[in-house]
Amino acid sequence: MDFLNPGSVTEALELKASVPDAVPIAGGTDVMVELNFDHRRPPALLNLNRIAELHTYSTVDGRVRIGACVPYSRIVTELGSVLPGLAMASRTVGSPQIRNRGSVGGNLGAASPAGDSHPALLATDAVVEIASTRGVRMVPAKDFYVGVKRNVLEPDELITAVHVPPATGPQQFSKVGTRNAMVIAVCAFAIALHPEQQRVGTGIGSAAPTPLRAHEAEEFLAAELPWGSPDGLLDSLNRRFGELVAKAASPIDDVRGTASYRRHALAVMARRTLSWTWSEYRRTAQCA
């Protein structure tokens, strides 16, 4: 197995174009597991650790551009106030050691339905920056996943960044597992309120072949929420939102949980996260 060691994005893209089967590696939290269990034996590894640009974040056109190799730990400590939903999801990833190595770029590349960052990216309308020697293209997160552990990347492409809009309203993330972290999610859910547009974003994880949004639930809630008011929510609204979120999922039975349990858990998480986000929104409305 060859070890390719580029020092810039340009060099990395040239190497990926010349060796399309080369597997990118940075944190290695997914790749090394696959190698150790002999699930994958690529002809080459493409090391991205020496590329400084992939380890930084900035603001571009009003969005936070997070380099593909920025670790979860930095998202938690440095971007938590700007991207609260993604920071909440990042806190639940693995152990502190894993959070110091793993990244959203790696999560996107693996495209596992159970990836913790995916629901938050979907709920906030994130966009994935993909590059090759042919140029750069921007793919909305909702269009990035195409199957179980499959994404839209072409053989010569690399994920270079993800662009996430700063929060304009409350956001929440919740997942069910045998414990809060260091566990693969049985199912996960994210919600983001966008008050300036009177719009709601959602993201569902580990309950379908791909991460997905609950579009019917979003439309229902956007129309029914008392925007601009400090009023509380009726229990019937909470419950209907939970039902619509569960309806959007297409889970399976596996060793981590049954399909029926996943639907039930999603409904509960949807109700709870809506309650939390609306409570935060009401505090903001009362102070305005």
Foldseek 3Di string as FASTA:
>chain_A
DAEAEDQEPVVLQVVLVVQLQAAEDWLCPPVVVCVVVVVDDTPYHYYPNNYVLLQDWDADPQWIKHWLFPFLVCCLVPVCQFLVAQNQLSVQEADPSSRNRDGPQVLLQQQALQRSNLFSQQFQQKWWWKDHPVGIDIHTSQQFHDFHSDGDDDSSMGTTTMIGHTAPADKHKDFDAPDRHNGGGCKIKIKGQDLVVLWIGMWIGNFARGIHTLVVLGVLCSVPDPRLALDADDPVNLQVSLQSQLVVGHHDDDPGGHNVVRSVVSSVVSSVRVRVRSNRVSVVSVVD
